[in-house]
Amino acid sequence: MDSRVMYQISYGLYVLTAKEGGKDNGCIVNTVTQVTSSPNRITVAVNKQNYTHDMILRSGMFNVSVLAQSAPFDLFRNFGYQSGLTADKFQQVPFVRMNNGIARLSEHATACFSGRVVSATDLGTHTLFLADVTDGELLCDEEPVTYAYYQKNIKPAPAPTKKTGWRCRICGYIYEGETLPPDFVCPVCKHGAEDFEKL
């Protein structure tokens, strides 16, 4: 199967934030979906390798910032290409706190809302959180970022390379070597070998 068929599904990009023990953290997600309007509930699937995942699992609360088309690549790099275990992701990012005490972006976001976890379903590599929406605010009239817009307009094109190896079609990570192990997982974006292309 050509895994690129999945790129045709239209969805947005968000910064999912959590707080635990005085520490703020967040990660990039693309899986926020409203599932009911009464009660107002959403689901979000979060990779278990993200520190934000564990914070939400323990605290039962989170915020979502809907990213705007003005969001620079550095914002995606900050929240998506490093771990909150070793980095303070809010050190240079402007933010405010919502009523639940959790940070949300104060720039480059069209809207924000808070979630209180109702249930957590184990999906293997991810956990699917079902949550009540407890608060929300419109922040600007700018268009939200879709995954397609990000790929075409925000994410830098991969630099030309003559290395022998495999490139992740999602984030551009290069695995050097003639053969890519079938169970290889990208250390940056956590996608599997099926999302790599031969250089």
C-alpha atoms as a PDB file:
ATOM      1  CA  MET A   1       0.000   0.000   0.000  1.00  0.00           C
ATOM      2  CA  ASP A   2       1.112   3.540  -0.706  1.00  0.00           C
ATOM      3  CA  SER A   3       0.993   5.151   2.761  1.00  0.00           C
ATOM      4  CA  ARG A   4       0.705   8.591   1.127  1.00  0.00           C
ATOM      5  CA  VAL A   5      -3.010   7.944   0.637  1.00  0.00           C
ATOM      6  CA  MET A   6      -3.388   8.898   4.303  1.00  0.00           C
ATOM      7  CA  TYR A   7      -2.079  12.396   3.519  1.00  0.00           C
ATOM      8  CA  GLN A   8      -5.311  13.039   1.606  1.00  0.00           C
ATOM      9  CA  ILE A   9      -7.339  13.023   4.818  1.00  0.00           C
ATOM     10  CA  SER A  10      -7.965  16.646   5.745  1.00  0.00           C
ATOM     11  CA  TYR A  11      -7.090  17.611   9.312  1.00  0.00           C
ATOM     12  CA  GLY A  12      -5.576  20.449  11.282  1.00  0.00           C
ATOM     13  CA  LEU A  13      -2.525  20.938  13.445  1.00  0.00           C
ATOM     14  CA  TYR A  14      -2.681  21.867  17.111  1.00  0.00           C
ATOM     15  CA  VAL A  15      -0.497  22.458  20.156  1.00  0.00           C
ATOM     16  CA  LEU A  16      -1.750  20.200  22.942  1.00  0.00           C
ATOM     17  CA  THR A  17      -0.659  21.441  26.371  1.00  0.00           C
ATOM     18  CA  ALA A  18      -0.687  20.041  29.895  1.00  0.00           C
ATOM     19  CA  LYS A  19       0.586  20.946  33.349  1.00  0.00           C
ATOM     20  CA  GLU A  20       1.749  18.745  36.201  1.00  0.00           C
ATOM     21  CA  GLY A  21       3.725  19.525  39.340  1.00  0.00           C
ATOM     22  CA  GLY A  22       4.351  23.113  38.251  1.00  0.00           C
ATOM     23  CA  LYS A  23       5.757  22.049  34.854  1.00  0.00           C
ATOM     24  CA  ASP A  24       4.192  23.200  31.573  1.00  0.00           C
ATOM     25  CA  ASN A  25       4.587  21.112  28.455  1.00  0.00           C
ATOM     26  CA  GLY A  26       3.066  20.626  25.023  1.00  0.00           C
ATOM     27  CA  CYS A  27       3.311  18.765  21.743  1.00  0.00           C
ATOM     28  CA  ILE A  28       2.042  18.995  18.177  1.00  0.00           C
ATOM     29  CA  VAL A  29      -0.978  16.803  17.385  1.00  0.00           C
ATOM     30  CA  ASN A  30      -3.189  16.381  14.350  1.00  0.00           C
ATOM     31  CA  THR A  31      -5.947  14.242  15.822  1.00  0.00           C
ATOM     32  CA  VAL A  32      -8.345  16.613  17.620  1.00  0.00           C
ATOM     33  CA  THR A  33     -11.949  15.829  16.647  1.00  0.00           C
ATOM     34  CA  GLN A  34     -15.296  16.964  17.988  1.00  0.00           C
ATOM     35  CA  VAL A  35     -17.394  13.847  18.503  1.00  0.00           C
ATOM     36  CA  THR A  36     -20.570  15.211  20.155  1.00  0.00           C
ATOM     37  CA  SER A  37     -22.078  18.659  20.628  1.00  0.00           C
ATOM     38  CA  SER A  38     -24.333  17.857  23.579  1.00  0.00           C
ATOM     39  CA  PRO A  39     -22.416  17.212  25.709  1.00  0.00           C
ATOM     40  CA  ASN A  40     -19.621  19.047  23.927  1.00  0.00           C
ATOM     41  CA  ARG A  41     -16.921  16.379  23.676  1.00  0.00           C
ATOM     42  CA  ILE A  42     -13.740  15.855  21.694  1.00  0.00           C
ATOM     43  CA  THR A  43     -11.219  13.091  21.205  1.00  0.00           C
ATOM     44  CA  VAL A  44      -7.469  13.459  20.821  1.00  0.00           C
ATOM     45  CA  ALA A  45      -5.039  10.633  20.118  1.00  0.00           C
ATOM     46  CA  VAL A  46      -1.603  11.148  21.687  1.00  0.00           C
ATOM     47  CA  ASN A  47       1.549   9.112  21.085  1.00  0.00           C
ATOM     48  CA  LYS A  48       2.656   7.367  24.287  1.00  0.00           C
ATOM     49  CA  GLN A  49       6.253   8.443  23.642  1.00  0.00           C
ATOM     50  CA  ASN A  50       5.274  12.091  24.182  1.00  0.00           C
ATOM     51  CA  TYR A  51       5.802  13.412  27.705  1.00  0.00           C
ATOM     52  CA  THR A  52       2.563  15.402  27.292  1.00  0.00           C
ATOM     53  CA  HIS A  53       0.737  12.061  26.998  1.00  0.00           C
ATOM     54  CA  ASP A  54       1.810  10.984  30.477  1.00  0.00           C
ATOM     55  CA  MET A  55       0.977  14.385  31.976  1.00  0.00           C
ATOM     56  CA  ILE A  56      -2.581  14.204  30.595  1.00  0.00           C
ATOM     57  CA  LEU A  57      -2.968  10.579  31.691  1.00  0.00           C
ATOM     58  CA  ARG A  58      -2.094  11.561  35.274  1.00  0.00           C
ATOM     59  CA  SER A  59      -3.752  15.003  35.492  1.00  0.00           C
ATOM     60  CA  GLY A  60      -6.860  14.379  33.392  1.00  0.00           C
ATOM     61  CA  MET A  61      -6.752  17.881  31.873  1.00  0.00           C
ATOM     62  CA  PHE A  62      -5.342  19.627  28.808  1.00  0.00           C
ATOM     63  CA  ASN A  63      -5.671  22.646  26.510  1.00  0.00           C
ATOM     64  CA  VAL A  64      -5.665  22.807  22.733  1.00  0.00           C
ATOM     65  CA  SER A  65      -4.378  25.786  20.730  1.00  0.00           C
ATOM     66  CA  VAL A  66      -5.629  25.720  17.120  1.00  0.00           C
ATOM     67  CA  LEU A  67      -2.622  26.794  15.059  1.00  0.00           C
ATOM     68  CA  ALA A  68      -2.974  29.678  12.588  1.00  0.00           C
ATOM     69  CA  GLN A  69      -1.454  29.839   9.113  1.00  0.00           C
ATOM     70  CA  SER A  70       0.964  32.497  10.423  1.00  0.00           C
ATOM     71  CA  ALA A  71       2.612  29.920  12.715  1.00  0.00           C
ATOM     72  CA  PRO A  72       6.349  29.794  11.884  1.00  0.00           C
ATOM     73  CA  PHE A  73       8.232  26.534  11.445  1.00  0.00           C
ATOM     74  CA  ASP A  74      10.182  27.282  14.647  1.00  0.00           C
ATOM     75  CA  LEU A  75       6.944  26.839  16.611  1.00  0.00           C
ATOM     76  CA  PHE A  76       6.463  23.376  15.079  1.00  0.00           C
ATOM     77  CA  ARG A  77      10.115  22.570  15.751  1.00  0.00           C
ATOM     78  CA  ASN A  78       9.807  23.699  19.375  1.00  0.00           C
ATOM     79  CA  PHE A  79       6.721  21.625  20.192  1.00  0.00           C
ATOM     80  CA  GLY A  80       7.275  18.729  17.786  1.00  0.00           C
ATOM     81  CA  TYR A  81      11.004  18.049  17.483  1.00  0.00           C
ATOM     82  CA  GLN A  82      12.178  17.893  21.103  1.00  0.00           C
ATOM     83  CA  SER A  83      11.085  16.266  24.334  1.00  0.00           C
ATOM     84  CA  GLY A  84       9.597  18.095  27.289  1.00  0.00           C
ATOM     85  CA  LEU A  85      11.595  15.749  29.504  1.00  0.00           C
ATOM     86  CA  THR A  86      14.764  17.636  28.578  1.00  0.00           C
ATOM     87  CA  ALA A  87      13.533  21.015  27.300  1.00  0.00           C
ATOM     88  CA  ASP A  88      11.377  23.852  28.598  1.00  0.00           C
ATOM     89  CA  LYS A  89       9.160  24.289  25.547  1.00  0.00           C
ATOM     90  CA  PHE A  90       7.581  27.476  26.918  1.00  0.00           C
ATOM     91  CA  GLN A  91      10.886  29.216  27.663  1.00  0.00           C
ATOM     92  CA  GLN A  92      10.620  31.493  24.598  1.00  0.00           C
ATOM     93  CA  VAL A  93       6.967  31.025  23.604  1.00  0.00           C
ATOM     94  CA  PRO A  94       4.407  33.676  24.629  1.00  0.00           C
ATOM     95  CA  PHE A  95       1.504  32.101  26.516  1.00  0.00           C
ATOM     96  CA  VAL A  96      -1.336  32.790  28.925  1.00  0.00           C
ATOM     97  CA  ARG A  97      -3.161  30.470  31.288  1.00  0.00           C
ATOM     98  CA  MET A  98      -6.756  29.431  30.843  1.00  0.00           C
ATOM     99  CA  ASN A  99      -9.188  28.909  33.742  1.00  0.00           C
ATOM    100  CA  ASN A 100      -7.812  25.393  34.361  1.00  0.00           C
ATOM    101  CA  GLY A 101      -4.325  26.839  35.021  1.00  0.00           C
ATOM    102  CA  ILE A 102      -2.821  25.249  31.903  1.00  0.00           C
ATOM    103  CA  ALA A 103      -0.891  27.304  29.345  1.00  0.00           C
ATOM    104  CA  ARG A 104      -2.142  28.047  25.847  1.00  0.00           C
ATOM    105  CA  LEU A 105      -0.455  29.967  23.034  1.00  0.00           C
ATOM    106  CA  SER A 106      -1.022  33.719  22.978  1.00  0.00           C
ATOM    107  CA  GLU A 107       0.296  34.062  19.399  1.00  0.00           C
ATOM    108  CA  HIS A 108      -0.211  32.112  16.156  1.00  0.00           C
ATOM    109  CA  ALA A 109      -3.455  30.475  17.315  1.00  0.00           C
ATOM    110  CA  THR A 110      -6.978  31.040  15.972  1.00  0.00           C
ATOM    111  CA  ALA A 111      -8.764  29.541  18.986  1.00  0.00           C
ATOM    112  CA  CYS A 112      -8.179  27.592  22.162  1.00  0.00           C
ATOM    113  CA  PHE A 113     -10.190  25.288  24.374  1.00  0.00           C
ATOM    114  CA  SER A 114      -9.819  23.203  27.506  1.00  0.00           C
ATOM    115  CA  GLY A 115     -10.577  19.530  27.955  1.00  0.00           C
ATOM    116  CA  ARG A 116     -11.302  17.374  31.000  1.00  0.00           C
ATOM    117  CA  VAL A 117     -10.674  13.672  30.315  1.00  0.00           C
ATOM    118  CA  VAL A 118     -13.738  11.414  30.533  1.00  0.00           C
ATOM    119  CA  SER A 119     -12.026   8.214  29.399  1.00  0.00           C
ATOM    120  CA  ALA A 120      -8.737   6.939  27.977  1.00  0.00           C
ATOM    121  CA  THR A 121      -8.589   4.098  25.457  1.00  0.00           C
ATOM    122  CA  ASP A 122      -5.324   2.242  24.809  1.00  0.00           C
ATOM    123  CA  LEU A 123      -4.631   2.109  21.052  1.00  0.00           C
ATOM    124  CA  GLY A 124      -1.221   0.432  21.286  1.00  0.00           C
ATOM    125  CA  THR A 125       1.204   3.207  20.302  1.00  0.00           C
ATOM    126  CA  HIS A 126      -1.299   5.949  21.262  1.00  0.00           C
ATOM    127  CA  THR A 127      -3.968   6.689  23.830  1.00  0.00           C
ATOM    128  CA  LEU A 128      -7.307   8.076  22.671  1.00  0.00           C
ATOM    129  CA  PHE A 129      -8.572  10.594  25.207  1.00  0.00           C
ATOM    130  CA  LEU A 130     -12.299  11.401  25.244  1.00  0.00           C
ATOM    131  CA  ALA A 131     -12.825  14.746  26.965  1.00  0.00           C
ATOM    132  CA  ASP A 132     -15.502  17.259  27.903  1.00  0.00           C
ATOM    133  CA  VAL A 133     -14.810  20.750  26.526  1.00  0.00           C
ATOM    134  CA  THR A 134     -14.905  22.981  29.605  1.00  0.00           C
ATOM    135  CA  ASP A 135     -13.755  26.348  28.226  1.00  0.00           C
ATOM    136  CA  GLY A 136     -12.971  27.976  24.891  1.00  0.00           C
ATOM    137  CA  GLU A 137     -12.111  31.249  23.206  1.00  0.00           C
ATOM    138  CA  LEU A 138     -11.810  32.597  19.665  1.00  0.00           C
ATOM    139  CA  LEU A 139      -8.510  34.451  19.318  1.00  0.00           C
ATOM    140  CA  CYS A 140      -8.389  35.823  15.748  1.00  0.00           C
ATOM    141  CA  ASP A 141      -9.977  35.641  12.282  1.00  0.00           C
ATOM    142  CA  GLU A 142      -6.969  33.967  10.657  1.00  0.00           C
ATOM    143  CA  GLU A 143      -7.402  30.636   8.880  1.00  0.00           C
ATOM    144  CA  PRO A 144      -6.300  27.550  10.844  1.00  0.00           C
ATOM    145  CA  VAL A 145      -3.414  25.439   9.550  1.00  0.00           C
ATOM    146  CA  THR A 146      -4.289  22.196   7.801  1.00  0.00           C
ATOM    147  CA  TYR A 147      -1.724  19.455   7.411  1.00  0.00           C
ATOM    148  CA  ALA A 148      -1.654  20.087   3.646  1.00  0.00           C
ATOM    149  CA  TYR A 149      -1.006  23.818   4.183  1.00  0.00           C
ATOM    150  CA  TYR A 150       1.820  22.995   6.596  1.00  0.00           C
ATOM    151  CA  GLN A 151       3.459  20.629   4.082  1.00  0.00           C
ATOM    152  CA  LYS A 152       3.220  23.143   1.206  1.00  0.00           C
ATOM    153  CA  ASN A 153       3.816  26.479   2.922  1.00  0.00           C
ATOM    154  CA  ILE A 154       5.478  26.149   6.338  1.00  0.00           C
ATOM    155  CA  LYS A 155       7.694  23.065   6.460  1.00  0.00           C
ATOM    156  CA  PRO A 156      11.070  23.722   4.793  1.00  0.00           C
ATOM    157  CA  ALA A 157      11.871  21.600   1.770  1.00  0.00           C
ATOM    158  CA  PRO A 158      14.464  18.923   2.542  1.00  0.00           C
ATOM    159  CA  ALA A 159      17.987  20.006   1.675  1.00  0.00           C
ATOM    160  CA  PRO A 160      19.490  18.171  -1.293  1.00  0.00           C
ATOM    161  CA  THR A 161      21.641  15.289  -0.132  1.00  0.00           C
ATOM    162  CA  LYS A 162      23.867  12.641  -1.666  1.00  0.00           C
ATOM    163  CA  LYS A 163      23.805  10.349   1.337  1.00  0.00           C
ATOM    164  CA  THR A 164      22.929   6.705   0.950  1.00  0.00           C
ATOM    165  CA  GLY A 165      19.951   5.989   3.091  1.00  0.00           C
ATOM    166  CA  TRP A 166      16.283   6.603   3.732  1.00  0.00           C
ATOM    167  CA  ARG A 167      14.365   9.848   4.353  1.00  0.00           C
ATOM    168  CA  CYS A 168      11.224  10.134   6.476  1.00  0.00           C
ATOM    169  CA  ARG A 169       8.481  11.612   4.294  1.00  0.00           C
ATOM    170  CA  ILE A 170       6.854  13.115   7.403  1.00  0.00           C
ATOM    171  CA  CYS A 171       9.665  15.115   9.042  1.00  0.00           C
ATOM    172  CA  GLY A 172      12.719  14.715   6.780  1.00  0.00           C
ATOM    173  CA  TYR A 173      14.862  12.667   9.207  1.00  0.00           C
ATOM    174  CA  ILE A 174      17.638  10.761   7.379  1.00  0.00           C
ATOM    175  CA  TYR A 175      18.489   7.168   8.252  1.00  0.00           C
ATOM    176  CA  GLU A 176      21.926   6.363   6.813  1.00  0.00           C
ATOM    177  CA  GLY A 177      22.439   2.897   5.387  1.00  0.00           C
ATOM    178  CA  GLU A 178      21.505   0.707   2.446  1.00  0.00           C
ATOM    179  CA  THR A 179      18.793  -1.252   4.249  1.00  0.00           C
ATOM    180  CA  LEU A 180      16.097   0.174   6.504  1.00  0.00           C
ATOM    181  CA  PRO A 181      15.013  -2.293   9.216  1.00  0.00           C
ATOM    182  CA  PRO A 182      11.297  -3.130   8.737  1.00  0.00           C
ATOM    183  CA  ASP A 183      10.548  -2.313  12.382  1.00  0.00           C
ATOM    184  CA  PHE A 184      12.425   1.038  12.321  1.00  0.00           C
ATOM    185  CA  VAL A 185      10.635   3.972  14.032  1.00  0.00           C
ATOM    186  CA  CYS A 186      11.639   7.558  13.232  1.00  0.00           C
ATOM    187  CA  PRO A 187      13.273   9.040  16.358  1.00  0.00           C
ATOM    188  CA  VAL A 188      11.867  12.492  15.539  1.00  0.00           C
ATOM    189  CA  CYS A 189       8.214  12.034  14.496  1.00  0.00           C
ATOM    190  CA  LYS A 190       7.671   8.390  15.583  1.00  0.00           C
ATOM    191  CA  HIS A 191       6.410   7.185  12.164  1.00  0.00           C
ATOM    192  CA  GLY A 192       7.329   3.684  10.985  1.00  0.00           C
ATOM    193  CA  ALA A 193       9.432   2.335   8.130  1.00  0.00           C
ATOM    194  CA  GLU A 194       6.486   2.543   5.712  1.00  0.00           C
ATOM    195  CA  ASP A 195       6.823   6.360   5.779  1.00  0.00           C
ATOM    196  CA  PHE A 196      10.467   6.321   4.623  1.00  0.00           C
ATOM    197  CA  GLU A 197      11.672   6.680   1.024  1.00  0.00           C
ATOM    198  CA  LYS A 198      14.988   5.565  -0.442  1.00  0.00           C
ATOM    199  CA  LEU A 199      17.392   8.413  -1.226  1.00  0.00           C
END
